[in-house]
């Protein structure tokens, strides 16, 4: 079950995470973003002991999207120790995404 936590900032959330954080930058109107939901659920099921997945709505958090140079949706950014280490743009299968993430964890 997911646990909701409050943080003072996005950076604080990233830095306080003991696990690498995969941030899904999405928008509700984006069809491929909606297609990523079951894919990310599958990735989470496989990697939940090694990875945290966070969704950020680019319509609500435009400053975060700008700060992280999000120009295409969906864009996934992997953060380790609060720093971005890899980004993935566009739709991928769960198997492809897991294969790309595992060597980075």
N, C-alpha and C. Protein backbone atom coordinates (compact mmCIF):
# COMPACT_ATOMS: atom_id res chain seq x y z
N UNK A 1 0.83 -1.19 0.00
CA UNK A 1 0.00 0.00 0.00
C UNK A 1 0.88 1.25 0.00
N UNK A 2 0.52 2.22 -0.79
CA UNK A 2 1.28 3.46 -0.87
C UNK A 2 1.08 4.29 0.38
N UNK A 3 2.13 4.96 0.77
CA UNK A 3 2.08 5.82 1.94
C UNK A 3 2.30 7.25 1.47
N UNK A 4 1.42 8.15 1.86
CA UNK A 4 1.58 9.55 1.50
C UNK A 4 2.45 10.23 2.54
N UNK A 5 3.42 11.01 2.05
CA UNK A 5 4.30 11.76 2.93
C UNK A 5 4.32 13.20 2.46
N UNK A 6 4.49 14.08 3.40
CA UNK A 6 4.60 15.50 3.08
C UNK A 6 6.08 15.91 3.13
N UNK A 7 6.49 16.69 2.15
CA UNK A 7 7.84 17.21 2.09
C UNK A 7 7.76 18.70 1.85
N UNK A 8 8.76 19.41 2.32
CA UNK A 8 8.80 20.85 2.10
C UNK A 8 9.15 21.18 0.65
N UNK A 9 9.89 20.28 0.00
CA UNK A 9 10.27 20.54 -1.38
C UNK A 9 10.53 19.22 -2.11
N UNK A 10 10.53 19.30 -3.41
CA UNK A 10 10.84 18.16 -4.26
C UNK A 10 12.27 17.70 -3.98
N UNK A 11 13.20 18.64 -3.87
CA UNK A 11 14.60 18.30 -3.60
C UNK A 11 14.75 17.57 -2.26
N UNK A 12 14.01 18.02 -1.26
CA UNK A 12 14.06 17.36 0.05
C UNK A 12 13.57 15.91 -0.06
N UNK A 13 12.51 15.69 -0.80
CA UNK A 13 11.99 14.34 -1.00
C UNK A 13 13.04 13.46 -1.67
N UNK A 14 13.71 13.99 -2.70
CA UNK A 14 14.73 13.22 -3.40
C UNK A 14 15.91 12.89 -2.50
N UNK A 15 16.36 13.86 -1.74
CA UNK A 15 17.54 13.68 -0.89
C UNK A 15 17.26 12.77 0.30
N UNK A 16 16.04 12.75 0.80
CA UNK A 16 15.71 11.92 1.96
C UNK A 16 15.37 10.48 1.59
N UNK A 17 15.25 10.20 0.31
CA UNK A 17 14.90 8.84 -0.10
C UNK A 17 16.12 7.93 0.03
N UNK A 18 15.91 6.79 0.68
CA UNK A 18 16.98 5.80 0.81
C UNK A 18 17.19 5.04 -0.49
N UNK A 19 16.16 5.03 -1.34
CA UNK A 19 16.23 4.33 -2.62
C UNK A 19 16.36 5.34 -3.75
N UNK A 20 16.89 4.91 -4.91
CA UNK A 20 16.80 5.77 -6.09
C UNK A 20 15.33 6.07 -6.38
N UNK A 21 15.07 7.24 -6.95
CA UNK A 21 13.70 7.68 -7.23
C UNK A 21 13.52 7.85 -8.73
N UNK A 22 12.55 7.15 -9.28
CA UNK A 22 12.17 7.32 -10.68
C UNK A 22 10.98 8.26 -10.71
N UNK A 23 11.17 9.44 -11.30
CA UNK A 23 10.10 10.44 -11.35
C UNK A 23 9.45 10.38 -12.73
N UNK A 24 8.15 10.16 -12.71
CA UNK A 24 7.34 10.15 -13.93
C UNK A 24 6.73 11.53 -14.09
N UNK A 25 7.26 12.31 -15.02
CA UNK A 25 6.69 13.62 -15.35
C UNK A 25 5.61 13.37 -16.40
N UNK A 26 4.38 13.73 -16.08
CA UNK A 26 3.24 13.41 -16.94
C UNK A 26 2.25 14.57 -16.95
N UNK A 27 1.23 14.42 -17.80
CA UNK A 27 0.08 15.34 -17.81
C UNK A 27 -1.16 14.48 -18.04
N UNK A 28 -2.27 14.87 -17.44
CA UNK A 28 -3.51 14.09 -17.56
C UNK A 28 -4.01 14.00 -19.00
N UNK A 29 -3.73 15.02 -19.81
CA UNK A 29 -4.22 15.03 -21.19
C UNK A 29 -3.35 14.19 -22.13
N UNK A 30 -2.22 13.71 -21.65
CA UNK A 30 -1.24 12.99 -22.47
C UNK A 30 -1.60 11.50 -22.56
N UNK A 31 -2.00 11.05 -23.74
CA UNK A 31 -2.36 9.65 -23.94
C UNK A 31 -1.25 8.67 -23.60
N UNK A 32 -0.02 8.87 -24.14
CA UNK A 32 1.07 7.96 -23.78
C UNK A 32 1.37 7.96 -22.28
N UNK A 33 1.15 9.09 -21.61
CA UNK A 33 1.35 9.15 -20.15
C UNK A 33 0.38 8.21 -19.44
N UNK A 34 -0.87 8.18 -19.92
CA UNK A 34 -1.86 7.29 -19.33
C UNK A 34 -1.51 5.83 -19.60
N UNK A 35 -0.90 5.57 -20.76
CA UNK A 35 -0.49 4.22 -21.09
C UNK A 35 0.68 3.76 -20.21
N UNK A 36 1.42 4.69 -19.63
CA UNK A 36 2.54 4.36 -18.75
C UNK A 36 2.08 3.86 -17.38
N UNK A 37 0.85 4.15 -16.98
CA UNK A 37 0.38 3.78 -15.64
C UNK A 37 0.53 2.29 -15.38
N UNK A 38 -0.04 1.38 -16.21
CA UNK A 38 0.13 -0.05 -15.92
C UNK A 38 1.58 -0.50 -16.08
N UNK A 39 2.33 0.15 -16.96
CA UNK A 39 3.74 -0.18 -17.15
C UNK A 39 4.52 0.14 -15.87
N UNK A 40 4.29 1.32 -15.31
CA UNK A 40 4.97 1.69 -14.07
C UNK A 40 4.52 0.83 -12.89
N UNK A 41 3.27 0.39 -12.90
CA UNK A 41 2.81 -0.54 -11.86
C UNK A 41 3.59 -1.85 -11.94
N UNK A 42 3.83 -2.32 -13.15
CA UNK A 42 4.60 -3.55 -13.34
C UNK A 42 6.07 -3.35 -12.93
N UNK A 43 6.65 -2.21 -13.30
CA UNK A 43 8.03 -1.90 -12.91
C UNK A 43 8.12 -1.83 -11.38
N UNK A 44 7.14 -1.19 -10.76
CA UNK A 44 7.12 -1.08 -9.30
C UNK A 44 7.04 -2.46 -8.65
N UNK A 45 6.21 -3.34 -9.18
CA UNK A 45 6.07 -4.68 -8.62
C UNK A 45 7.40 -5.43 -8.68
N UNK A 46 8.13 -5.24 -9.75
CA UNK A 46 9.40 -5.96 -9.94
C UNK A 46 10.56 -5.33 -9.16
N UNK A 47 10.58 -4.00 -9.04
CA UNK A 47 11.74 -3.30 -8.48
C UNK A 47 11.46 -2.56 -7.18
N UNK A 48 10.33 -2.82 -6.52
CA UNK A 48 9.93 -2.01 -5.37
C UNK A 48 10.91 -2.04 -4.21
N UNK A 49 11.71 -3.08 -4.10
CA UNK A 49 12.71 -3.13 -3.04
C UNK A 49 13.95 -2.28 -3.37
N UNK A 50 14.07 -1.89 -4.64
CA UNK A 50 15.28 -1.20 -5.09
C UNK A 50 15.02 0.20 -5.66
N UNK A 51 13.74 0.58 -5.75
CA UNK A 51 13.39 1.81 -6.46
C UNK A 51 12.07 2.36 -5.93
N UNK A 52 12.00 3.70 -5.85
CA UNK A 52 10.74 4.38 -5.51
C UNK A 52 10.27 5.11 -6.77
N UNK A 53 8.98 5.03 -7.06
CA UNK A 53 8.42 5.73 -8.22
C UNK A 53 7.51 6.85 -7.72
N UNK A 54 7.72 8.04 -8.26
CA UNK A 54 6.95 9.23 -7.90
C UNK A 54 6.40 9.84 -9.18
N UNK A 55 5.14 10.24 -9.16
CA UNK A 55 4.52 10.88 -10.31
C UNK A 55 4.40 12.38 -10.05
N UNK A 56 4.78 13.17 -11.05
CA UNK A 56 4.70 14.63 -10.96
C UNK A 56 3.88 15.15 -12.15
N UNK A 57 2.77 15.79 -11.84
CA UNK A 57 1.90 16.37 -12.87
C UNK A 57 2.52 17.68 -13.34
N UNK A 58 2.96 17.71 -14.59
CA UNK A 58 3.64 18.90 -15.13
C UNK A 58 2.72 20.11 -15.25
N UNK A 59 1.41 19.87 -15.26
CA UNK A 59 0.46 20.99 -15.31
C UNK A 59 0.36 21.69 -13.96
N UNK A 60 0.50 20.93 -12.88
CA UNK A 60 0.44 21.50 -11.53
C UNK A 60 1.79 22.03 -11.07
N UNK A 61 2.85 21.39 -11.53
CA UNK A 61 4.21 21.73 -11.08
C UNK A 61 5.06 22.16 -12.26
N UNK A 62 4.64 23.23 -12.89
CA UNK A 62 5.32 23.73 -14.09
C UNK A 62 6.77 24.12 -13.80
N UNK A 63 7.03 24.67 -12.61
CA UNK A 63 8.41 25.06 -12.27
C UNK A 63 9.33 23.84 -12.23
N UNK A 64 8.85 22.74 -11.67
CA UNK A 64 9.66 21.51 -11.63
C UNK A 64 9.93 21.00 -13.04
N UNK A 65 8.91 21.03 -13.88
CA UNK A 65 9.07 20.58 -15.27
C UNK A 65 10.11 21.46 -15.98
N UNK A 66 10.04 22.75 -15.77
CA UNK A 66 11.01 23.67 -16.39
C UNK A 66 12.41 23.43 -15.83
N UNK A 67 12.52 23.34 -14.51
CA UNK A 67 13.83 23.13 -13.87
C UNK A 67 14.52 21.86 -14.37
N UNK A 68 13.72 20.83 -14.69
CA UNK A 68 14.30 19.55 -15.12
C UNK A 68 14.22 19.35 -16.63
N UNK A 69 13.96 20.44 -17.36
CA UNK A 69 13.99 20.44 -18.83
C UNK A 69 13.08 19.36 -19.43
N UNK A 70 11.84 19.34 -18.96
CA UNK A 70 10.86 18.39 -19.46
C UNK A 70 10.15 19.02 -20.65
N UNK A 71 10.49 18.53 -21.84
CA UNK A 71 9.92 19.09 -23.07
C UNK A 71 9.06 18.08 -23.82
N UNK A 72 9.15 16.80 -23.44
CA UNK A 72 8.36 15.75 -24.06
C UNK A 72 7.71 14.93 -22.95
N UNK A 73 6.54 14.41 -23.23
CA UNK A 73 5.84 13.59 -22.25
C UNK A 73 5.50 12.25 -22.88
N UNK A 74 5.56 11.18 -22.12
CA UNK A 74 6.07 11.13 -20.75
C UNK A 74 7.60 11.18 -20.72
N UNK A 75 8.13 11.75 -19.66
CA UNK A 75 9.57 11.72 -19.40
C UNK A 75 9.77 11.16 -18.00
N UNK A 76 10.65 10.19 -17.90
CA UNK A 76 11.01 9.60 -16.62
C UNK A 76 12.44 10.02 -16.32
N UNK A 77 12.69 10.45 -15.09
CA UNK A 77 14.05 10.83 -14.69
C UNK A 77 14.40 10.02 -13.45
N UNK A 78 15.54 9.33 -13.51
CA UNK A 78 16.03 8.56 -12.37
C UNK A 78 16.98 9.43 -11.56
N UNK A 79 16.69 9.57 -10.26
CA UNK A 79 17.51 10.35 -9.34
C UNK A 79 18.15 9.41 -8.34
N UNK A 80 19.43 9.64 -8.07
CA UNK A 80 20.14 8.93 -7.01
C UNK A 80 20.81 9.99 -6.14
N UNK A 81 20.63 9.87 -4.84
CA UNK A 81 21.19 10.84 -3.89
C UNK A 81 20.79 12.27 -4.27
N UNK A 82 19.57 12.44 -4.77
CA UNK A 82 19.04 13.75 -5.10
C UNK A 82 19.47 14.31 -6.44
N UNK A 83 20.29 13.58 -7.19
CA UNK A 83 20.81 14.06 -8.47
C UNK A 83 20.27 13.21 -9.63
N UNK A 84 19.93 13.86 -10.76
CA UNK A 84 19.47 13.09 -11.92
C UNK A 84 20.64 12.29 -12.53
N UNK A 85 20.40 11.01 -12.80
CA UNK A 85 21.45 10.18 -13.39
C UNK A 85 21.07 9.64 -14.77
N UNK A 86 19.78 9.59 -15.07
CA UNK A 86 19.34 9.11 -16.38
C UNK A 86 17.94 9.60 -16.66
N UNK A 87 17.63 9.80 -17.93
CA UNK A 87 16.27 10.18 -18.31
C UNK A 87 15.81 9.32 -19.47
N UNK A 88 14.51 9.07 -19.48
CA UNK A 88 13.87 8.23 -20.49
C UNK A 88 12.69 9.00 -21.03
N UNK A 89 12.69 9.27 -22.33
CA UNK A 89 11.58 10.01 -22.94
C UNK A 89 10.76 9.07 -23.80
N UNK A 90 9.45 9.21 -23.71
CA UNK A 90 8.56 8.42 -24.54
C UNK A 90 8.14 7.12 -23.90
N UNK A 91 7.24 6.44 -24.58
CA UNK A 91 6.63 5.20 -24.11
C UNK A 91 7.60 4.04 -24.28
N UNK A 92 7.66 3.18 -23.27
CA UNK A 92 8.47 1.97 -23.29
C UNK A 92 7.64 0.84 -22.68
N UNK A 93 8.01 -0.37 -23.00
CA UNK A 93 7.38 -1.52 -22.35
C UNK A 93 7.98 -1.66 -20.96
N UNK A 94 7.28 -2.38 -20.09
CA UNK A 94 7.79 -2.63 -18.74
C UNK A 94 9.11 -3.39 -18.82
N UNK A 95 9.18 -4.39 -19.69
CA UNK A 95 10.40 -5.19 -19.82
C UNK A 95 11.58 -4.32 -20.25
N UNK A 96 11.36 -3.43 -21.22
CA UNK A 96 12.42 -2.55 -21.70
C UNK A 96 12.88 -1.60 -20.60
N UNK A 97 11.92 -1.01 -19.90
CA UNK A 97 12.25 -0.05 -18.84
C UNK A 97 13.01 -0.74 -17.70
N UNK A 98 12.56 -1.93 -17.31
CA UNK A 98 13.25 -2.68 -16.26
C UNK A 98 14.68 -2.99 -16.69
N UNK A 99 14.86 -3.42 -17.94
CA UNK A 99 16.20 -3.74 -18.44
C UNK A 99 17.11 -2.50 -18.42
N UNK A 100 16.54 -1.34 -18.71
CA UNK A 100 17.33 -0.10 -18.71
C UNK A 100 17.63 0.38 -17.29
N UNK A 101 16.72 0.15 -16.36
CA UNK A 101 16.89 0.62 -14.99
C UNK A 101 17.81 -0.26 -14.15
N UNK A 102 17.71 -1.59 -14.31
CA UNK A 102 18.43 -2.49 -13.42
C UNK A 102 19.94 -2.20 -13.30
N UNK A 103 20.65 -1.93 -14.41
CA UNK A 103 22.09 -1.66 -14.24
C UNK A 103 22.39 -0.35 -13.50
N UNK A 104 21.39 0.53 -13.40
CA UNK A 104 21.57 1.84 -12.77
C UNK A 104 21.26 1.82 -11.28
N UNK A 105 20.65 0.75 -10.80
CA UNK A 105 20.22 0.70 -9.40
C UNK A 105 21.30 0.16 -8.49
